[in-house]
Amino acid sequence: MRNTNKRNLSALLALVLALLLALPAMAAGSAGLTIYHERENVRFDLYHVAVASDAGWQPTDDFAAYPVTLPDEDSPAADWRAAAETLAAYVAQDTPIPAASGRVASGSVQFGALEEGLYLAIGETVRQNDTLYIPVPVLIHVQGDTAVTIKAEETAVTPEPVEYTVAKVWQGGENARPLSVTVQLLCDGQPDRTVTLNALNGWRYTWTSEPGHLWQVAEQNVPDGFAVAVEQDGLAFTVTNTWQQPGQPEQPGQPGSTPVPGTPSTGGTLPQTGQLWWPVPLLVILGVICVGVGRFRARRKRKHDHEG
């Protein structure tokens, strides 16, 4: 009987140890994402931007330094797109390591073992004949198994050079605006030049480019107290700095769903350190330990009373 009890206790402890070792892996990836795209073999990179909590979106380490307001569930589609394009330019500039990468096969690309949260999906630009196919950067709230469709915008490659413009727009904070700002121009994902915008040039800069290139704009050293959003309309970029109200420091938006077909609405709230579900299996394990120890002690007591 004594050997049987020892074997049972050893098996119980081995099971507990296996479950404890599995917990980090279980917590690290409990969600999946499927991106549908019409063009084959297009590469998509996925970046983990933020996790959800009771206080709203909490940026991950790679995105904490960017003063970009993450939209909430009530924000219009234009705000979601502006935030995605702004972050995509910073990604091109700073090249963080993506959380996952994959290529479209049979109309879709799938990502598994993801932590739930807000992700930025960036697809590669493809040129075919005289047309550029540019996937739209998209912010996606991944919860459980999530699916989205990402379209590609088509841009004709003209034989003549094209002229781009970047302009600064201020919203509020009149007394806190600097005398100038600098913006980084990126061509095909690579830094091309840094330009200064100020009152002398009307907060505007124009440049000429050979056709067939993808341009992006990233503001450098965003002034304290302001959030930044970059929007592109054809050949024109608008960099907007919005003042955050005094006494109300900039806060990420409440978690919400990006208005893209197939993206589910926001539901649960997750702390930055991981999912809220992980204590549940831990409590179950502790309960199993308590039950096992209790039974072991009860058997020993019955044996002791019987021998007595």
Protein backbone atom coordinates (compact mmCIF):
# COMPACT_ATOMS: atom_id res chain seq x y z
CA MET A 1 0.00 0.00 0.00
CA ARG A 2 2.83 2.37 0.90
CA ASN A 3 4.50 1.89 -2.50
CA THR A 4 1.16 2.46 -4.26
CA ASN A 5 0.63 5.73 -2.39
CA LYS A 6 4.12 6.90 -3.27
CA ARG A 7 3.58 6.10 -6.94
CA ASN A 8 0.27 7.97 -6.96
CA LEU A 9 1.82 11.00 -5.32
CA SER A 10 4.77 10.96 -7.73
CA ALA A 11 2.43 10.78 -10.73
CA LEU A 12 0.38 13.67 -9.34
CA LEU A 13 3.46 15.84 -8.84
CA ALA A 14 4.70 15.02 -12.35
CA LEU A 15 1.35 16.08 -13.80
CA VAL A 16 1.43 19.34 -11.85
CA LEU A 17 4.97 20.06 -13.03
CA ALA A 18 4.02 19.42 -16.66
CA LEU A 19 1.04 21.76 -16.42
CA LEU A 20 3.13 24.50 -14.82
CA LEU A 21 5.75 24.22 -17.55
CA ALA A 22 3.02 24.43 -20.20
CA LEU A 23 1.44 27.58 -18.76
CA PRO A 24 3.86 30.12 -20.33
CA ALA A 25 3.42 28.57 -23.77
CA MET A 26 -0.36 28.51 -23.33
CA ALA A 27 -0.40 32.18 -22.27
CA ALA A 28 1.93 33.27 -25.06
CA GLY A 29 -0.34 32.30 -27.92
CA SER A 30 -4.07 31.74 -27.57
CA ALA A 31 -5.36 33.50 -30.69
CA GLY A 32 -5.14 33.23 -34.45
CA LEU A 33 -5.51 35.58 -37.41
CA THR A 34 -6.40 34.93 -41.04
CA ILE A 35 -5.80 37.68 -43.62
CA TYR A 36 -7.59 37.35 -46.95
CA HIS A 37 -5.93 39.08 -49.88
CA GLU A 38 -6.62 38.92 -53.60
CA ARG A 39 -3.01 38.65 -54.80
CA GLU A 40 -0.91 35.52 -54.36
CA ASN A 41 2.51 35.32 -52.69
CA VAL A 42 2.25 38.78 -51.11
CA ARG A 43 4.19 38.98 -47.86
CA PHE A 44 2.43 40.31 -44.76
CA ASP A 45 4.25 41.32 -41.58
CA LEU A 46 2.36 41.45 -38.31
CA TYR A 47 3.38 43.79 -35.47
CA HIS A 48 1.99 43.63 -31.94
CA VAL A 49 1.05 47.24 -31.18
CA ALA A 50 -0.88 47.09 -27.91
CA VAL A 51 -2.81 44.96 -25.44
CA ALA A 52 -6.16 45.83 -23.94
CA SER A 53 -6.75 46.66 -20.29
CA ASP A 54 -9.33 48.44 -18.17
CA ALA A 55 -7.43 51.69 -18.87
CA GLY A 56 -7.55 51.22 -22.66
CA TRP A 57 -4.91 50.20 -25.14
CA GLN A 58 -1.52 49.73 -23.51
CA PRO A 59 1.28 49.93 -26.13
CA THR A 60 3.90 47.21 -26.30
CA ASP A 61 7.55 48.10 -25.83
CA ASP A 62 8.18 48.52 -29.57
CA PHE A 63 5.37 51.07 -29.92
CA ALA A 64 5.35 52.83 -26.55
CA ALA A 65 7.54 55.71 -27.78
CA TYR A 66 5.23 56.77 -30.61
CA PRO A 67 2.76 59.54 -29.65
CA VAL A 68 0.00 58.10 -31.82
CA THR A 69 -3.53 58.05 -30.44
CA LEU A 70 -5.02 54.59 -30.91
CA PRO A 71 -8.68 54.95 -31.92
CA ASP A 72 -11.52 53.52 -29.87
CA GLU A 73 -14.55 51.58 -31.06
CA ASP A 74 -16.47 54.79 -31.78
CA SER A 75 -13.74 56.33 -33.93
CA PRO A 76 -14.46 56.75 -37.66
CA ALA A 77 -12.72 54.63 -40.25
CA ALA A 78 -10.52 57.59 -41.22
CA ASP A 79 -8.99 57.69 -37.73
CA TRP A 80 -8.21 53.98 -37.83
CA ARG A 81 -6.55 54.33 -41.21
CA ALA A 82 -4.55 57.41 -40.19
CA ALA A 83 -3.25 55.62 -37.09
CA ALA A 84 -2.29 52.56 -39.16
CA GLU A 85 -0.48 54.64 -41.81
CA THR A 86 1.32 56.69 -39.17
CA LEU A 87 2.55 53.59 -37.36
CA ALA A 88 3.47 51.91 -40.66
CA ALA A 89 5.84 54.80 -41.45
CA TYR A 90 7.50 54.46 -38.03
CA VAL A 91 7.87 50.72 -38.64
CA ALA A 92 9.59 51.43 -41.98
CA GLN A 93 11.87 53.92 -40.23
CA ASP A 94 12.78 51.90 -37.12
CA THR A 95 12.39 48.32 -38.47
CA PRO A 96 11.18 46.51 -35.34
CA ILE A 97 11.03 42.73 -35.54
CA PRO A 98 7.55 41.57 -36.60
CA ALA A 99 5.59 39.28 -34.34
CA ALA A 100 4.89 37.04 -37.34
CA SER A 101 5.31 36.98 -41.11
CA GLY A 102 3.78 34.97 -43.93
CA ARG A 103 2.85 34.92 -47.61
CA VAL A 104 -0.54 34.65 -49.22
CA ALA A 105 -1.33 31.19 -50.58
CA SER A 106 -4.71 30.25 -52.07
CA GLY A 107 -6.11 33.65 -51.16
CA SER A 108 -5.10 33.89 -47.52
CA VAL A 109 -2.27 33.86 -44.99
CA GLN A 110 -2.72 32.49 -41.49
CA PHE A 111 -1.01 33.39 -38.23
CA GLY A 112 -1.32 31.26 -35.12
CA ALA A 113 -0.16 31.29 -31.50
CA LEU A 114 -0.74 35.04 -31.10
CA GLU A 115 -1.31 36.92 -27.90
CA GLU A 116 -4.62 38.72 -28.05
CA GLY A 117 -4.37 42.44 -28.65
CA LEU A 118 -4.00 45.12 -31.31
CA TYR A 119 -1.84 44.26 -34.34
CA LEU A 120 -0.61 46.24 -37.33
CA ALA A 121 -0.64 44.30 -40.61
CA ILE A 122 1.63 45.59 -43.38
CA GLY A 123 1.70 44.00 -46.81
CA GLU A 124 4.45 44.35 -49.40
CA THR A 125 3.95 46.50 -52.48
CA VAL A 126 3.89 44.59 -55.77
CA ARG A 127 4.48 46.08 -59.21
CA GLN A 128 2.95 44.43 -62.25
CA ASN A 129 3.48 46.09 -65.61
CA ASP A 130 2.56 49.76 -65.10
CA THR A 131 0.57 49.31 -61.88
CA LEU A 132 1.55 49.31 -58.22
CA TYR A 133 -0.55 47.17 -55.88
CA ILE A 134 -0.21 48.60 -52.38
CA PRO A 135 -1.92 46.74 -49.49
CA VAL A 136 -3.53 49.18 -47.07
CA PRO A 137 -1.91 49.10 -43.58
CA VAL A 138 -4.54 47.91 -41.13
CA LEU A 139 -4.89 47.85 -37.35
CA ILE A 140 -6.62 44.66 -36.23
CA HIS A 141 -7.96 43.71 -32.83
CA VAL A 142 -7.16 40.01 -32.58
CA GLN A 143 -9.47 38.07 -30.26
CA GLY A 144 -9.62 34.32 -30.49
CA ASP A 145 -9.81 33.33 -34.14
CA THR A 146 -10.01 36.56 -36.14
CA ALA A 147 -10.32 37.09 -39.89
CA VAL A 148 -9.99 40.23 -42.02
CA THR A 149 -9.88 41.11 -45.69
CA ILE A 150 -7.15 43.55 -46.74
CA LYS A 151 -7.45 45.18 -50.13
CA ALA A 152 -4.67 46.54 -52.30
CA GLU A 153 -4.87 50.04 -53.72
CA GLU A 154 -3.87 50.31 -57.36
CA THR A 155 -1.62 53.17 -58.48
CA ALA A 156 -0.71 53.69 -62.13
CA VAL A 157 2.98 54.20 -62.85
CA THR A 158 3.20 57.21 -65.14
CA PRO A 159 6.13 57.82 -67.51
CA GLU A 160 6.70 61.33 -66.13
CA PRO A 161 8.07 62.32 -62.68
CA VAL A 162 5.44 63.06 -60.03
CA GLU A 163 5.34 65.82 -57.41
CA TYR A 164 4.58 65.11 -53.75
CA THR A 165 3.74 67.52 -50.96
CA VAL A 166 3.84 67.24 -47.18
CA ALA A 167 2.07 69.85 -45.04
CA LYS A 168 1.87 70.41 -41.29
CA VAL A 169 -1.51 71.07 -39.62
CA TRP A 170 -1.90 72.14 -35.99
CA GLN A 171 -4.94 71.47 -33.85
CA GLY A 172 -4.92 73.36 -30.55
CA GLY A 173 -1.97 74.07 -28.29
CA GLU A 174 -1.24 77.49 -29.79
CA ASN A 175 1.12 78.43 -26.97
CA ALA A 176 2.96 75.12 -27.03
CA ARG A 177 3.80 74.88 -30.72
CA PRO A 178 7.49 74.85 -31.64
CA LEU A 179 9.00 77.14 -34.25
CA SER A 180 9.65 74.17 -36.54
CA VAL A 181 9.31 70.42 -36.89
CA THR A 182 11.26 67.83 -38.85
CA VAL A 183 9.82 64.99 -40.87
CA GLN A 184 11.51 61.94 -42.32
CA LEU A 185 10.67 61.06 -45.92
CA LEU A 186 10.93 57.36 -46.70
CA CYS A 187 11.08 55.90 -50.20
CA ASP A 188 10.21 52.23 -50.64
CA GLY A 189 10.67 51.69 -46.92
CA GLN A 190 14.09 53.34 -46.73
CA PRO A 191 14.93 56.77 -45.24
CA ASP A 192 15.45 59.24 -48.09
CA ARG A 193 15.77 62.67 -46.51
CA THR A 194 14.82 64.77 -43.48
CA VAL A 195 13.12 68.13 -44.06
CA THR A 196 12.19 71.03 -41.82
CA LEU A 197 8.73 72.57 -41.79
CA ASN A 198 8.20 76.03 -40.33
CA ALA A 199 6.38 79.32 -40.86
CA LEU A 200 8.96 80.50 -43.41
CA ASN A 201 8.05 77.72 -45.85
CA GLY A 202 4.39 77.77 -44.90
CA TRP A 203 4.78 74.48 -43.00
CA ARG A 204 4.99 72.74 -46.36
CA TYR A 205 7.56 70.91 -48.48
CA THR A 206 7.34 69.68 -52.08
CA TRP A 207 9.58 67.18 -53.85
CA THR A 208 9.72 65.41 -57.19
CA SER A 209 10.05 61.65 -57.52
CA GLU A 210 10.52 59.22 -60.33
CA PRO A 211 7.36 57.16 -60.83
CA GLY A 212 6.88 53.71 -59.35
CA HIS A 213 7.99 54.41 -55.78
CA LEU A 214 6.17 54.15 -52.45
CA TRP A 215 6.63 57.22 -50.23
CA GLN A 216 5.91 57.54 -46.50
CA VAL A 217 6.26 60.34 -43.94
CA ALA A 218 7.26 60.07 -40.27
CA GLU A 219 7.50 63.08 -37.95
CA GLN A 220 10.65 63.23 -35.84
CA ASN A 221 10.65 64.31 -32.18
CA VAL A 222 6.94 65.06 -31.94
CA PRO A 223 6.50 68.12 -29.68
CA ASP A 224 5.60 67.40 -26.06
CA GLY A 225 1.89 67.47 -25.42
CA PHE A 226 0.93 66.65 -29.00
CA ALA A 227 -0.17 63.47 -30.74
CA VAL A 228 0.65 62.88 -34.40
CA ALA A 229 -1.34 61.47 -37.30
CA VAL A 230 -0.20 61.22 -40.93
CA GLU A 231 -2.73 60.92 -43.73
CA GLN A 232 -2.09 60.48 -47.44
CA ASP A 233 -4.45 61.63 -50.18
CA GLY A 234 -2.95 60.81 -53.53
CA LEU A 235 0.33 62.71 -53.77
CA ALA A 236 -0.33 64.87 -50.70
CA PHE A 237 0.63 64.03 -47.11
CA THR A 238 -0.86 65.84 -44.12
CA VAL A 239 0.91 65.63 -40.77
CA THR A 240 -1.46 66.69 -38.00
CA ASN A 241 -0.34 67.49 -34.47
CA THR A 242 -3.24 67.50 -32.02
CA TRP A 243 -2.86 69.09 -28.61
CA GLN A 244 -3.69 66.91 -25.61
CA GLN A 245 -5.72 68.90 -23.07
CA PRO A 246 -3.79 70.29 -20.03
CA GLY A 247 -4.31 68.15 -16.97
CA GLN A 248 -5.29 65.22 -19.17
CA PRO A 249 -2.07 63.51 -20.27
CA GLU A 250 -2.20 61.63 -23.50
CA GLN A 251 -3.95 58.31 -23.04
CA PRO A 252 -4.38 55.51 -25.56
CA GLY A 253 -7.92 55.10 -26.83
CA GLN A 254 -10.29 52.56 -25.35
CA PRO A 255 -9.91 49.20 -27.05
CA GLY A 256 -12.05 48.92 -30.14
CA SER A 257 -12.37 47.09 -33.42
CA THR A 258 -10.93 48.44 -36.61
CA PRO A 259 -13.70 49.10 -39.13
CA VAL A 260 -12.49 46.49 -41.60
CA PRO A 261 -14.84 43.77 -42.86
CA GLY A 262 -14.39 40.61 -40.84
CA THR A 263 -12.86 42.26 -37.76
CA PRO A 264 -14.84 41.47 -34.60
CA SER A 265 -15.81 44.17 -32.15
CA THR A 266 -13.89 44.67 -28.92
CA GLY A 267 -14.90 42.57 -25.99
CA GLY A 268 -12.62 41.43 -23.18
CA THR A 269 -10.06 43.47 -21.31
CA LEU A 270 -6.53 42.18 -21.00
CA PRO A 271 -3.69 43.53 -18.87
CA GLN A 272 -0.36 44.34 -20.47
CA THR A 273 1.29 41.40 -18.76
CA GLY A 274 -0.93 38.82 -20.49
CA GLN A 275 -4.37 37.24 -20.46
CA LEU A 276 -6.64 37.23 -17.44
CA TRP A 277 -7.38 33.52 -17.88
CA TRP A 278 -4.00 32.20 -16.76
CA PRO A 279 -4.77 32.09 -12.98
CA VAL A 280 -7.66 29.69 -13.67
CA PRO A 281 -5.53 26.63 -14.57
CA LEU A 282 -3.12 27.58 -11.79
CA LEU A 283 -5.95 27.52 -9.26
CA VAL A 284 -7.10 24.20 -10.68
CA ILE A 285 -3.58 22.80 -10.25
CA LEU A 286 -3.45 24.00 -6.64
CA GLY A 287 -6.82 22.41 -6.04
CA VAL A 288 -5.60 19.11 -7.46
CA ILE A 289 -2.54 19.29 -5.20
CA CYS A 290 -4.69 19.93 -2.14
CA VAL A 291 -7.04 17.05 -2.99
CA GLY A 292 -4.12 14.70 -3.66
CA VAL A 293 -2.35 15.59 -0.43
CA GLY A 294 -5.61 15.27 1.49
CA ARG A 295 -6.28 11.81 0.11
CA PHE A 296 -2.71 10.72 0.80
CA ARG A 297 -2.95 11.85 4.42
CA ALA A 298 -6.36 10.21 4.81
CA ARG A 299 -5.00 6.88 3.56
CA ARG A 300 -2.06 7.06 5.93
CA LYS A 301 -4.41 7.84 8.84
CA ARG A 302 -6.71 4.92 7.98
CA LYS A 303 -3.70 2.61 7.74
CA HIS A 304 -2.36 3.89 11.06
CA ASP A 305 -5.75 3.41 12.77
CA HIS A 306 -6.04 -0.11 11.30
CA GLU A 307 -2.59 -1.11 12.50
CA GLY A 308 -3.35 0.37 15.88
